[in-house]
Amino acid sequence: MALSFKLVLKMRKLPNDEAIHFKQDGQRFLQPNTVKLSSNANYRLTLVLRPRQDIQSVLINGERYDCKCVPNEKKDDEFSGTYTVDYSTQGVPKTKPGKRKEIYMLLEMEKGVNFKTVLQCKIYAENETDHCRWGQVLNFVDYECRLSEGQAAVDITREKFL
């Protein structure tokens, strides 16, 4: 029997909890949406899984990041799990015009299960604020996921930027 679950990815710029933006690029690049980030900046990723799935570790572009389980906002919600990861673009150069940078994310979950996704990004110079804010506010990315019996890799059946 297959297991279906939702994963919601929220991303905010630290230290002021600022919204980040994305734009729709259509078919110009490998993915239809581009997330706009700043070079030499810090971000907090919040991962909410429903029903709850335990995350053992998070790798971003092959580098392991601390993943903290946090209490649910709703005290009576025992069916979801919330985790935070602090990610830095320190030393990541700005993306050249007409190019995109792919950020590979791997969540290692309980029982050897792996969730993989790629965020297509445009990295702007740290002092460039106007271009970073063009587009739509990225509230979250909503993933509908499915894990077939005997399988270790999660299939993403739907990805929606909201």
N, C-alpha and C. Protein backbone atom coordinates (compact mmCIF):
# COMPACT_ATOMS: atom_id res chain seq x y z
N MET A 1 0.84 -1.19 0.00
CA MET A 1 0.00 0.00 0.00
C MET A 1 0.88 1.24 0.00
N ALA A 2 0.53 2.22 -0.79
CA ALA A 2 1.31 3.45 -0.91
C ALA A 2 0.96 4.42 0.22
N LEU A 3 1.95 5.19 0.61
CA LEU A 3 1.77 6.23 1.61
C LEU A 3 1.77 7.58 0.90
N SER A 4 0.75 8.38 1.13
CA SER A 4 0.69 9.73 0.56
C SER A 4 0.86 10.73 1.70
N PHE A 5 1.60 11.81 1.42
CA PHE A 5 1.75 12.86 2.42
C PHE A 5 2.04 14.18 1.72
N LYS A 6 1.89 15.25 2.47
CA LYS A 6 2.18 16.60 1.98
C LYS A 6 3.42 17.12 2.66
N LEU A 7 4.21 17.85 1.90
CA LEU A 7 5.36 18.55 2.46
C LEU A 7 5.23 20.01 2.02
N VAL A 8 5.27 20.91 2.98
CA VAL A 8 5.20 22.34 2.71
C VAL A 8 6.56 22.93 3.06
N LEU A 9 7.16 23.65 2.10
CA LEU A 9 8.45 24.30 2.28
C LEU A 9 8.23 25.81 2.32
N LYS A 10 8.57 26.41 3.45
CA LYS A 10 8.52 27.87 3.59
C LYS A 10 9.96 28.36 3.69
N MET A 11 10.20 29.56 3.16
CA MET A 11 11.55 30.11 3.16
C MET A 11 11.47 31.59 3.48
N ARG A 12 12.26 32.04 4.47
CA ARG A 12 12.28 33.44 4.88
C ARG A 12 13.72 33.90 5.04
N LYS A 13 13.96 35.18 4.73
CA LYS A 13 15.30 35.75 4.84
C LYS A 13 15.51 36.25 6.26
N LEU A 14 16.65 35.88 6.83
CA LEU A 14 17.01 36.31 8.18
C LEU A 14 17.90 37.56 8.09
N PRO A 15 18.06 38.38 9.08
CA PRO A 15 17.55 38.18 10.45
C PRO A 15 16.17 38.77 10.68
N ASN A 16 15.58 39.42 9.68
CA ASN A 16 14.33 40.16 9.88
C ASN A 16 13.08 39.42 9.41
N ASP A 17 13.20 38.13 9.15
CA ASP A 17 12.05 37.32 8.73
C ASP A 17 11.37 37.91 7.49
N GLU A 18 12.18 38.30 6.50
CA GLU A 18 11.66 38.93 5.29
C GLU A 18 11.16 37.89 4.29
N ALA A 19 10.12 38.28 3.57
CA ALA A 19 9.59 37.42 2.52
C ALA A 19 10.60 37.33 1.38
N ILE A 20 10.60 36.21 0.70
CA ILE A 20 11.37 36.09 -0.53
C ILE A 20 10.38 36.01 -1.68
N HIS A 21 10.88 36.18 -2.90
CA HIS A 21 10.02 36.25 -4.07
C HIS A 21 10.40 35.18 -5.09
N PHE A 22 9.49 34.95 -6.02
CA PHE A 22 9.77 34.04 -7.13
C PHE A 22 9.11 34.61 -8.37
N LYS A 23 9.54 34.12 -9.51
CA LYS A 23 8.89 34.51 -10.75
C LYS A 23 8.70 33.28 -11.61
N GLN A 24 7.72 33.36 -12.48
CA GLN A 24 7.46 32.27 -13.41
C GLN A 24 8.28 32.52 -14.67
N ASP A 25 9.11 31.55 -15.02
CA ASP A 25 9.98 31.66 -16.19
C ASP A 25 9.47 30.87 -17.38
N GLY A 26 8.37 30.18 -17.21
CA GLY A 26 7.85 29.38 -18.32
C GLY A 26 8.82 28.27 -18.68
N GLN A 27 9.11 28.12 -19.96
CA GLN A 27 9.96 27.03 -20.44
C GLN A 27 11.39 27.48 -20.76
N ARG A 28 11.77 28.69 -20.36
CA ARG A 28 13.10 29.21 -20.68
C ARG A 28 14.23 28.41 -20.02
N PHE A 29 13.96 27.83 -18.86
CA PHE A 29 14.97 27.10 -18.10
C PHE A 29 14.46 25.70 -17.79
N LEU A 30 15.20 24.95 -16.98
CA LEU A 30 14.81 23.58 -16.67
C LEU A 30 13.51 23.50 -15.87
N GLN A 31 13.24 24.52 -15.05
CA GLN A 31 12.04 24.52 -14.23
C GLN A 31 11.23 25.79 -14.52
N PRO A 32 9.93 25.74 -14.33
CA PRO A 32 9.09 26.89 -14.67
C PRO A 32 9.16 28.06 -13.68
N ASN A 33 9.62 27.82 -12.45
CA ASN A 33 9.66 28.87 -11.42
C ASN A 33 11.09 29.11 -10.94
N THR A 34 11.40 30.39 -10.69
CA THR A 34 12.72 30.78 -10.19
C THR A 34 12.55 31.51 -8.86
N VAL A 35 13.22 31.01 -7.83
CA VAL A 35 13.25 31.64 -6.52
C VAL A 35 14.37 32.66 -6.50
N LYS A 36 14.10 33.85 -5.95
CA LYS A 36 15.07 34.94 -5.93
C LYS A 36 15.73 35.03 -4.56
N LEU A 37 17.06 34.87 -4.54
CA LEU A 37 17.82 34.91 -3.29
C LEU A 37 18.95 35.93 -3.42
N SER A 38 19.48 36.33 -2.28
CA SER A 38 20.63 37.24 -2.24
C SER A 38 21.89 36.47 -1.88
N SER A 39 23.00 36.89 -2.47
CA SER A 39 24.29 36.33 -2.11
C SER A 39 24.65 36.78 -0.69
N ASN A 40 25.40 35.96 0.01
CA ASN A 40 25.87 36.27 1.38
C ASN A 40 24.73 36.60 2.33
N ALA A 41 23.67 35.82 2.25
CA ALA A 41 22.50 36.02 3.11
C ALA A 41 22.15 34.71 3.82
N ASN A 42 21.37 34.84 4.87
CA ASN A 42 20.91 33.68 5.63
C ASN A 42 19.41 33.53 5.49
N TYR A 43 18.98 32.28 5.40
CA TYR A 43 17.57 31.96 5.21
C TYR A 43 17.15 30.88 6.18
N ARG A 44 15.89 30.93 6.59
CA ARG A 44 15.32 29.86 7.41
C ARG A 44 14.31 29.12 6.56
N LEU A 45 14.52 27.82 6.44
CA LEU A 45 13.59 26.94 5.75
C LEU A 45 12.75 26.24 6.81
N THR A 46 11.45 26.26 6.63
CA THR A 46 10.55 25.55 7.53
C THR A 46 9.88 24.46 6.70
N LEU A 47 9.95 23.25 7.20
CA LEU A 47 9.39 22.08 6.52
C LEU A 47 8.26 21.51 7.39
N VAL A 48 7.08 21.42 6.81
CA VAL A 48 5.93 20.86 7.53
C VAL A 48 5.47 19.62 6.77
N LEU A 49 5.43 18.49 7.45
CA LEU A 49 5.01 17.23 6.83
C LEU A 49 3.74 16.75 7.48
N ARG A 50 2.76 16.41 6.63
CA ARG A 50 1.47 15.96 7.13
C ARG A 50 0.98 14.79 6.29
N PRO A 51 0.71 13.62 6.82
CA PRO A 51 0.93 13.29 8.22
C PRO A 51 2.43 13.29 8.55
N ARG A 52 2.70 13.32 9.81
CA ARG A 52 4.06 13.45 10.31
C ARG A 52 4.99 12.38 9.73
N GLN A 53 6.13 12.83 9.25
CA GLN A 53 7.23 11.96 8.84
C GLN A 53 8.46 12.52 9.55
N ASP A 54 9.28 11.68 10.12
CA ASP A 54 10.46 12.16 10.83
C ASP A 54 11.61 12.38 9.87
N ILE A 55 12.21 13.57 9.94
CA ILE A 55 13.39 13.90 9.13
C ILE A 55 14.63 13.64 9.97
N GLN A 56 15.53 12.84 9.44
CA GLN A 56 16.78 12.52 10.13
C GLN A 56 17.86 13.56 9.84
N SER A 57 17.95 13.98 8.56
CA SER A 57 18.95 14.98 8.18
C SER A 57 18.55 15.66 6.88
N VAL A 58 19.17 16.82 6.63
CA VAL A 58 18.91 17.61 5.44
C VAL A 58 20.24 17.92 4.77
N LEU A 59 20.32 17.64 3.46
CA LEU A 59 21.50 18.01 2.68
C LEU A 59 21.06 19.00 1.62
N ILE A 60 21.82 20.09 1.51
CA ILE A 60 21.57 21.09 0.48
C ILE A 60 22.86 21.23 -0.32
N ASN A 61 22.76 20.94 -1.61
CA ASN A 61 23.93 20.89 -2.49
C ASN A 61 25.04 20.03 -1.90
N GLY A 62 24.65 18.92 -1.30
CA GLY A 62 25.61 17.96 -0.78
C GLY A 62 26.15 18.28 0.60
N GLU A 63 25.81 19.43 1.16
CA GLU A 63 26.29 19.82 2.48
C GLU A 63 25.20 19.55 3.52
N ARG A 64 25.59 18.90 4.62
CA ARG A 64 24.63 18.55 5.67
C ARG A 64 24.35 19.78 6.54
N TYR A 65 23.07 20.02 6.81
CA TYR A 65 22.63 21.14 7.65
C TYR A 65 21.89 20.61 8.86
N ASP A 66 22.00 21.36 9.98
CA ASP A 66 21.26 21.00 11.18
C ASP A 66 19.76 21.15 10.91
N CYS A 67 19.02 20.17 11.35
CA CYS A 67 17.57 20.16 11.18
C CYS A 67 16.97 20.04 12.57
N LYS A 68 16.14 21.03 12.94
CA LYS A 68 15.56 21.05 14.28
C LYS A 68 14.07 20.81 14.21
N CYS A 69 13.62 19.89 15.04
CA CYS A 69 12.18 19.65 15.16
C CYS A 69 11.64 20.74 16.09
N VAL A 70 10.55 21.38 15.67
CA VAL A 70 9.96 22.45 16.48
C VAL A 70 8.53 22.09 16.83
N PRO A 71 8.05 22.62 17.96
CA PRO A 71 6.66 22.34 18.34
C PRO A 71 5.69 22.89 17.31
N ASN A 72 4.59 22.19 17.09
CA ASN A 72 3.57 22.64 16.16
C ASN A 72 2.91 23.90 16.68
N GLU A 73 2.52 24.79 15.75
CA GLU A 73 1.83 26.02 16.12
C GLU A 73 0.51 25.72 16.80
N LYS A 74 -0.18 24.70 16.29
CA LYS A 74 -1.45 24.29 16.90
C LYS A 74 -1.14 23.16 17.89
N LYS A 75 -1.42 23.40 19.14
CA LYS A 75 -1.08 22.44 20.19
C LYS A 75 -1.76 21.09 20.00
N ASP A 76 -2.95 21.08 19.37
CA ASP A 76 -3.69 19.83 19.22
C ASP A 76 -3.35 19.09 17.92
N ASP A 77 -2.37 19.61 17.16
CA ASP A 77 -2.03 18.99 15.88
C ASP A 77 -0.89 18.00 16.06
N GLU A 78 -1.25 16.77 16.34
CA GLU A 78 -0.24 15.72 16.50
C GLU A 78 0.02 14.98 15.20
N PHE A 79 -0.68 15.38 14.13
CA PHE A 79 -0.57 14.67 12.87
C PHE A 79 0.42 15.29 11.89
N SER A 80 1.08 16.37 12.30
CA SER A 80 2.08 16.97 11.42
C SER A 80 3.39 17.13 12.18
N GLY A 81 4.47 17.20 11.42
CA GLY A 81 5.79 17.43 12.00
C GLY A 81 6.39 18.67 11.37
N THR A 82 6.99 19.54 12.18
CA THR A 82 7.57 20.78 11.69
C THR A 82 9.05 20.81 12.03
N TYR A 83 9.85 21.18 11.03
CA TYR A 83 11.30 21.23 11.17
C TYR A 83 11.82 22.54 10.60
N THR A 84 12.93 23.02 11.14
CA THR A 84 13.57 24.21 10.57
C THR A 84 15.02 23.90 10.23
N VAL A 85 15.49 24.56 9.19
CA VAL A 85 16.87 24.44 8.73
C VAL A 85 17.34 25.86 8.38
N ASP A 86 18.50 26.25 8.88
CA ASP A 86 19.08 27.53 8.51
C ASP A 86 20.08 27.30 7.38
N TYR A 87 19.86 28.01 6.27
CA TYR A 87 20.65 27.86 5.06
C TYR A 87 21.32 29.19 4.74
N SER A 88 22.56 29.14 4.30
CA SER A 88 23.32 30.35 3.99
C SER A 88 23.80 30.34 2.55
N THR A 89 23.76 31.52 1.92
CA THR A 89 24.34 31.69 0.58
C THR A 89 25.69 32.40 0.68
N GLN A 90 26.30 32.31 1.86
CA GLN A 90 27.62 32.91 2.07
C GLN A 90 28.61 32.37 1.04
N GLY A 91 29.24 33.28 0.30
CA GLY A 91 30.23 32.88 -0.69
C GLY A 91 29.67 32.43 -2.02
N VAL A 92 28.35 32.36 -2.15
CA VAL A 92 27.74 31.96 -3.41
C VAL A 92 27.70 33.20 -4.31
N PRO A 93 28.34 33.16 -5.47
CA PRO A 93 28.36 34.35 -6.33
C PRO A 93 27.01 34.61 -6.97
N LYS A 94 26.81 35.86 -7.38
CA LYS A 94 25.56 36.20 -8.06
C LYS A 94 25.50 35.44 -9.38
N THR A 95 24.28 35.17 -9.81
CA THR A 95 24.05 34.43 -11.03
C THR A 95 24.18 35.38 -12.22
N LYS A 96 24.84 34.92 -13.27
CA LYS A 96 25.01 35.74 -14.47
C LYS A 96 23.67 35.94 -15.16
N PRO A 97 23.52 37.05 -15.89
CA PRO A 97 22.26 37.30 -16.61
C PRO A 97 21.90 36.13 -17.55
N GLY A 98 20.62 35.77 -17.54
CA GLY A 98 20.15 34.69 -18.40
C GLY A 98 20.48 33.30 -17.89
N LYS A 99 21.03 33.18 -16.68
CA LYS A 99 21.40 31.88 -16.10
C LYS A 99 20.62 31.67 -14.80
N ARG A 100 20.58 30.43 -14.35
CA ARG A 100 19.95 30.07 -13.08
C ARG A 100 20.86 29.11 -12.34
N LYS A 101 20.73 29.09 -11.02
CA LYS A 101 21.48 28.17 -10.18
C LYS A 101 20.48 27.17 -9.59
N GLU A 102 20.85 25.92 -9.63
CA GLU A 102 20.00 24.89 -9.05
C GLU A 102 20.49 24.57 -7.64
N ILE A 103 19.54 24.55 -6.71
CA ILE A 103 19.84 24.16 -5.34
C ILE A 103 19.18 22.81 -5.11
N TYR A 104 20.02 21.81 -4.86
CA TYR A 104 19.55 20.43 -4.67
C TYR A 104 19.30 20.20 -3.18
N MET A 105 18.12 19.70 -2.86
CA MET A 105 17.77 19.45 -1.48
C MET A 105 17.38 17.98 -1.31
N LEU A 106 17.98 17.35 -0.31
CA LEU A 106 17.69 15.96 0.02
C LEU A 106 17.30 15.88 1.49
N LEU A 107 16.12 15.33 1.74
CA LEU A 107 15.68 15.06 3.10
C LEU A 107 15.80 13.57 3.34
N GLU A 108 16.63 13.20 4.31
CA GLU A 108 16.75 11.80 4.69
C GLU A 108 15.78 11.57 5.84
N MET A 109 14.81 10.68 5.59
CA MET A 109 13.74 10.47 6.53
C MET A 109 13.86 9.10 7.18
N GLU A 110 12.95 8.82 8.09
CA GLU A 110 12.97 7.54 8.80
C GLU A 110 12.85 6.36 7.83
N LYS A 111 13.38 5.24 8.25
CA LYS A 111 13.30 3.98 7.49
C LYS A 111 13.99 4.06 6.13
N GLY A 112 15.00 4.93 6.00
CA GLY A 112 15.78 5.02 4.76
C GLY A 112 15.08 5.69 3.60
N VAL A 113 14.00 6.42 3.87
CA VAL A 113 13.24 7.09 2.82
C VAL A 113 13.89 8.43 2.49
N ASN A 114 13.97 8.76 1.19
CA ASN A 114 14.58 10.01 0.74
C ASN A 114 13.61 10.84 -0.09
N PHE A 115 13.54 12.13 0.24
CA PHE A 115 12.78 13.11 -0.54
C PHE A 115 13.81 14.01 -1.22
N LYS A 116 13.73 14.12 -2.55
CA LYS A 116 14.67 14.96 -3.30
C LYS A 116 13.89 15.98 -4.11
N THR A 117 14.42 17.21 -4.12
CA THR A 117 13.84 18.24 -4.97
C THR A 117 14.94 19.21 -5.39
N VAL A 118 14.64 20.00 -6.40
CA VAL A 118 15.58 21.01 -6.90
C VAL A 118 14.84 22.33 -6.95
N LEU A 119 15.44 23.35 -6.34
CA LEU A 119 14.90 24.70 -6.45
C LEU A 119 15.76 25.47 -7.44
N GLN A 120 15.13 26.00 -8.45
CA GLN A 120 15.82 26.83 -9.43
C GLN A 120 15.87 28.25 -8.88
N CYS A 121 17.09 28.82 -8.79
CA CYS A 121 17.26 30.12 -8.14
C CYS A 121 18.02 31.10 -9.02
N LYS A 122 17.78 32.34 -8.75
CA LYS A 122 18.56 33.44 -9.28
C LYS A 122 19.18 34.10 -8.05
N ILE A 123 20.52 34.15 -8.01
CA ILE A 123 21.22 34.75 -6.88
C ILE A 123 21.64 36.16 -7.28
N TYR A 124 21.20 37.14 -6.50
CA TYR A 124 21.53 38.54 -6.75
C TYR A 124 22.62 38.99 -5.79
N ALA A 125 23.34 40.05 -6.18
CA ALA A 125 24.35 40.64 -5.29
C ALA A 125 23.68 41.03 -3.99
N GLU A 126 24.42 40.94 -2.88
CA GLU A 126 23.81 41.16 -1.57
C GLU A 126 23.23 42.56 -1.40
N ASN A 127 23.72 43.56 -2.14
CA ASN A 127 23.20 44.91 -2.00
C ASN A 127 22.11 45.23 -3.03
N GLU A 128 21.76 44.29 -3.86
CA GLU A 128 20.70 44.46 -4.87
C GLU A 128 19.36 44.08 -4.25
N THR A 129 18.52 45.08 -3.99
CA THR A 129 17.25 44.78 -3.34
C THR A 129 16.07 44.85 -4.29
N ASP A 130 16.13 45.70 -5.30
CA ASP A 130 14.98 45.87 -6.20
C ASP A 130 14.65 44.60 -6.97
N HIS A 131 15.64 44.04 -7.67
CA HIS A 131 15.38 42.85 -8.49
C HIS A 131 14.96 41.65 -7.65
N CYS A 132 15.47 41.57 -6.44
CA CYS A 132 15.12 40.46 -5.54
C CYS A 132 13.64 40.49 -5.17
N ARG A 133 13.03 41.64 -5.24
CA ARG A 133 11.63 41.79 -4.82
C ARG A 133 10.65 41.80 -5.99
N TRP A 134 11.14 41.73 -7.20
CA TRP A 134 10.23 41.67 -8.34
C TRP A 134 9.63 40.27 -8.40
N GLY A 135 8.40 40.20 -8.78
CA GLY A 135 7.72 38.91 -8.87
C GLY A 135 6.72 38.76 -7.74
N GLN A 136 6.36 37.53 -7.48
CA GLN A 136 5.36 37.22 -6.46
C GLN A 136 6.04 36.81 -5.17
N VAL A 137 5.41 37.13 -4.05
CA VAL A 137 5.90 36.68 -2.75
C VAL A 137 5.76 35.16 -2.70
N LEU A 138 6.82 34.49 -2.27
CA LEU A 138 6.76 33.04 -2.10
C LEU A 138 6.31 32.73 -0.68
N ASN A 139 5.05 32.39 -0.53
CA ASN A 139 4.53 32.01 0.78
C ASN A 139 5.03 30.62 1.15
N PHE A 140 4.94 29.70 0.19
CA PHE A 140 5.45 28.34 0.39
C PHE A 140 5.39 27.58 -0.92
N VAL A 141 6.11 26.45 -0.93
CA VAL A 141 6.00 25.49 -2.03
C VAL A 141 5.29 24.27 -1.44
N ASP A 142 4.23 23.85 -2.11
CA ASP A 142 3.41 22.75 -1.65
C ASP A 142 3.72 21.52 -2.50
N TYR A 143 4.18 20.47 -1.84
CA TYR A 143 4.49 19.22 -2.53
C TYR A 143 3.50 18.14 -2.09
N GLU A 144 2.88 17.48 -3.05
CA GLU A 144 2.11 16.28 -2.75
C GLU A 144 3.01 15.11 -3.09
N CYS A 145 3.15 14.20 -2.14
CA CYS A 145 4.14 13.12 -2.25
C CYS A 145 3.49 11.76 -2.11
N ARG A 146 4.19 10.79 -2.70
CA ARG A 146 3.71 9.40 -2.64
C ARG A 146 4.92 8.49 -2.49
N LEU A 147 4.78 7.54 -1.60
CA LEU A 147 5.82 6.54 -1.38
C LEU A 147 5.20 5.17 -1.55
N SER A 148 5.62 4.47 -2.59
CA SER A 148 5.09 3.13 -2.85
C SER A 148 5.77 2.13 -1.93
N GLU A 149 5.06 1.06 -1.64
CA GLU A 149 5.59 0.02 -0.75
C GLU A 149 6.88 -0.55 -1.32
N GLY A 150 7.89 -0.69 -0.48
CA GLY A 150 9.18 -1.23 -0.89
C GLY A 150 10.09 -0.23 -1.59
N GLN A 151 9.65 0.99 -1.70
CA GLN A 151 10.42 2.03 -2.39
C GLN A 151 11.08 2.94 -1.36
N ALA A 152 12.29 3.44 -1.66
CA ALA A 152 12.98 4.34 -0.75
C ALA A 152 12.92 5.79 -1.21
N ALA A 153 12.63 6.02 -2.48
CA ALA A 153 12.57 7.38 -3.02
C ALA A 153 11.12 7.86 -3.10
N VAL A 154 10.88 9.06 -2.61
CA VAL A 154 9.56 9.67 -2.63
C VAL A 154 9.29 10.21 -4.03
N ASP A 155 8.11 9.95 -4.54
CA ASP A 155 7.68 10.53 -5.81
C ASP A 155 6.90 11.81 -5.50
N ILE A 156 7.26 12.91 -6.16
CA ILE A 156 6.51 14.15 -6.04
C ILE A 156 5.44 14.11 -7.13
N THR A 157 4.18 14.06 -6.70
CA THR A 157 3.09 13.97 -7.67
C THR A 157 2.56 15.35 -8.06
N ARG A 158 2.86 16.37 -7.24
CA ARG A 158 2.47 17.74 -7.58
C ARG A 158 3.36 18.70 -6.81
N GLU A 159 3.76 19.77 -7.49
CA GLU A 159 4.56 20.84 -6.88
C GLU A 159 3.88 22.15 -7.25
N LYS A 160 3.55 22.95 -6.24
CA LYS A 160 2.84 24.20 -6.50
C LYS A 160 3.47 25.33 -5.69
N PHE A 161 3.85 26.41 -6.38
CA PHE A 161 4.39 27.60 -5.74
C PHE A 161 3.24 28.53 -5.40
N LEU A 162 3.10 28.88 -4.13
CA LEU A 162 2.01 29.75 -3.69
C LEU A 162 2.55 30.92 -2.90
